[in-house]
Protein backbone atom coordinates (compact mmCIF):
# COMPACT_ATOMS: atom_id res chain seq x y z
CA MET A 1 19.41 -7.09 33.93
CA PRO A 2 17.80 -10.22 33.96
CA LEU A 3 19.69 -12.66 32.43
CA TYR A 4 17.17 -13.52 29.82
CA LEU A 5 17.29 -9.92 28.80
CA GLU A 6 21.16 -10.23 28.32
CA ARG A 7 20.46 -13.01 25.98
CA ALA A 8 18.43 -11.06 24.15
CA GLU A 9 20.80 -8.22 24.28
CA ASP A 10 23.33 -10.86 22.43
CA LEU A 11 20.80 -12.01 19.99
CA ARG A 12 20.16 -8.53 19.01
CA GLY A 13 24.03 -8.19 18.01
CA LEU A 14 23.15 -11.69 15.49
CA VAL A 15 20.15 -9.57 14.30
CA LYS A 16 22.11 -6.75 13.19
CA ASP A 17 25.13 -9.15 11.78
CA LEU A 18 22.39 -10.54 9.69
CA MET A 19 20.74 -7.33 8.73
CA GLN A 20 23.95 -5.90 7.62
CA ALA A 21 24.72 -9.30 5.45
CA ILE A 22 21.73 -8.62 3.37
CA PRO A 23 21.62 -6.39 0.70
CA ASN A 24 18.60 -4.10 -0.34
CA ARG A 25 17.72 -4.69 3.34
CA ASN A 26 16.23 -1.07 3.31
CA GLU A 27 14.16 -1.61 0.54
CA SER A 28 11.49 -4.30 2.51
CA HIS A 29 9.83 -4.16 5.74
CA PHE A 30 9.10 -8.01 5.37
CA ILE A 31 12.77 -9.30 6.54
CA PRO A 32 13.08 -7.40 10.15
CA VAL A 33 9.50 -8.16 10.51
CA THR A 34 9.65 -12.01 9.30
CA LEU A 35 12.75 -12.55 11.57
CA GLY A 36 10.76 -11.09 14.56
CA HIS A 37 8.52 -13.35 14.08
CA ILE A 38 11.02 -16.25 13.76
CA ILE A 39 12.40 -15.10 17.51
CA ASN A 40 8.57 -15.09 18.57
CA LEU A 41 7.85 -18.49 17.58
CA ALA A 42 11.25 -19.91 18.86
CA VAL A 43 10.40 -18.69 22.10
CA ARG A 44 6.94 -20.00 21.91
CA CYS A 45 8.48 -23.39 21.00
CA ASN A 46 9.88 -23.59 24.45
CA PRO A 47 8.58 -26.42 26.07
CA ARG A 48 8.46 -24.40 29.59
CA GLN A 49 7.11 -21.30 28.00
CA PRO A 50 8.00 -17.96 29.63
CA GLN A 51 5.54 -15.21 30.85
CA GLY A 52 3.84 -13.49 27.43
CA THR A 53 5.82 -10.09 29.09
CA VAL A 54 8.81 -12.02 28.89
CA ARG A 55 8.46 -13.39 25.35
CA LYS A 56 7.77 -9.76 24.42
CA ASN A 57 10.38 -7.99 25.97
CA ILE A 58 12.76 -10.75 24.46
CA VAL A 59 11.68 -10.03 21.14
CA ALA A 60 11.47 -6.14 21.43
CA THR A 61 14.93 -6.56 22.92
CA ALA A 62 16.65 -8.66 19.66
CA MET A 63 14.36 -6.32 17.29
CA LYS A 64 14.53 -2.73 19.05
CA ASP A 65 16.94 -1.32 16.29
CA TYR A 66 14.37 -2.41 13.31
CA CYS A 67 10.81 -3.52 14.44
CA ASN A 68 8.32 -1.96 17.05
CA VAL A 69 6.44 -4.92 19.35
CA ARG A 70 3.54 -4.57 21.33
CA MET A 71 1.47 -6.80 22.96
CA THR A 72 -2.26 -7.20 23.51
CA LYS A 73 -4.65 -9.28 25.32
CA GLU A 74 -6.75 -11.26 22.83
CA THR A 75 -9.83 -13.50 22.93
CA ASP A 76 -10.12 -16.55 20.83
CA LYS A 77 -13.98 -16.20 19.72
CA ARG A 78 -14.32 -19.22 19.06
CA THR A 79 -13.13 -20.67 22.55
CA GLY A 80 -13.20 -17.73 24.55
CA VAL A 81 -9.66 -18.33 25.83
CA THR A 82 -7.50 -14.97 26.20
CA TYR A 83 -3.71 -14.55 25.60
CA ASN A 84 -1.43 -12.38 24.95
CA LYS A 85 -0.78 -11.37 21.02
CA ILE A 86 2.58 -9.43 19.98
CA TYR A 87 2.41 -7.23 17.01
CA ILE A 88 5.56 -6.29 15.11
CA THR A 89 5.86 -3.48 12.85
CA ALA A 90 9.03 -2.16 10.85
CA LYS A 91 10.34 0.98 12.09
CA GLU A 92 11.03 3.57 9.10
CA ARG A 93 14.71 2.63 7.88
CA LYS A 94 17.55 5.01 7.08
CA ASN A 95 19.97 3.95 4.69
CA ASP A 96 23.02 2.12 6.81
């Protein structure tokens, strides 16, 4: 397993601990989706940004218990630049 995925598994444990500490966490999809976006932005803030699939894999691994993560190629209509866009959606949650 690549080192970055090992670190993402460590992050997954922290995400689980955080989610367990939030009361009524099953009532809203906002919390896990927002957390997934925060992780994505943290990876993007790195001055040496990883490839899009690496970024997607980090977010997907860290959030796999709570969110579905997919990536598509998008084109900015204004500039014509193509980029990888990550979509994060909450999984249906069972009461833990």
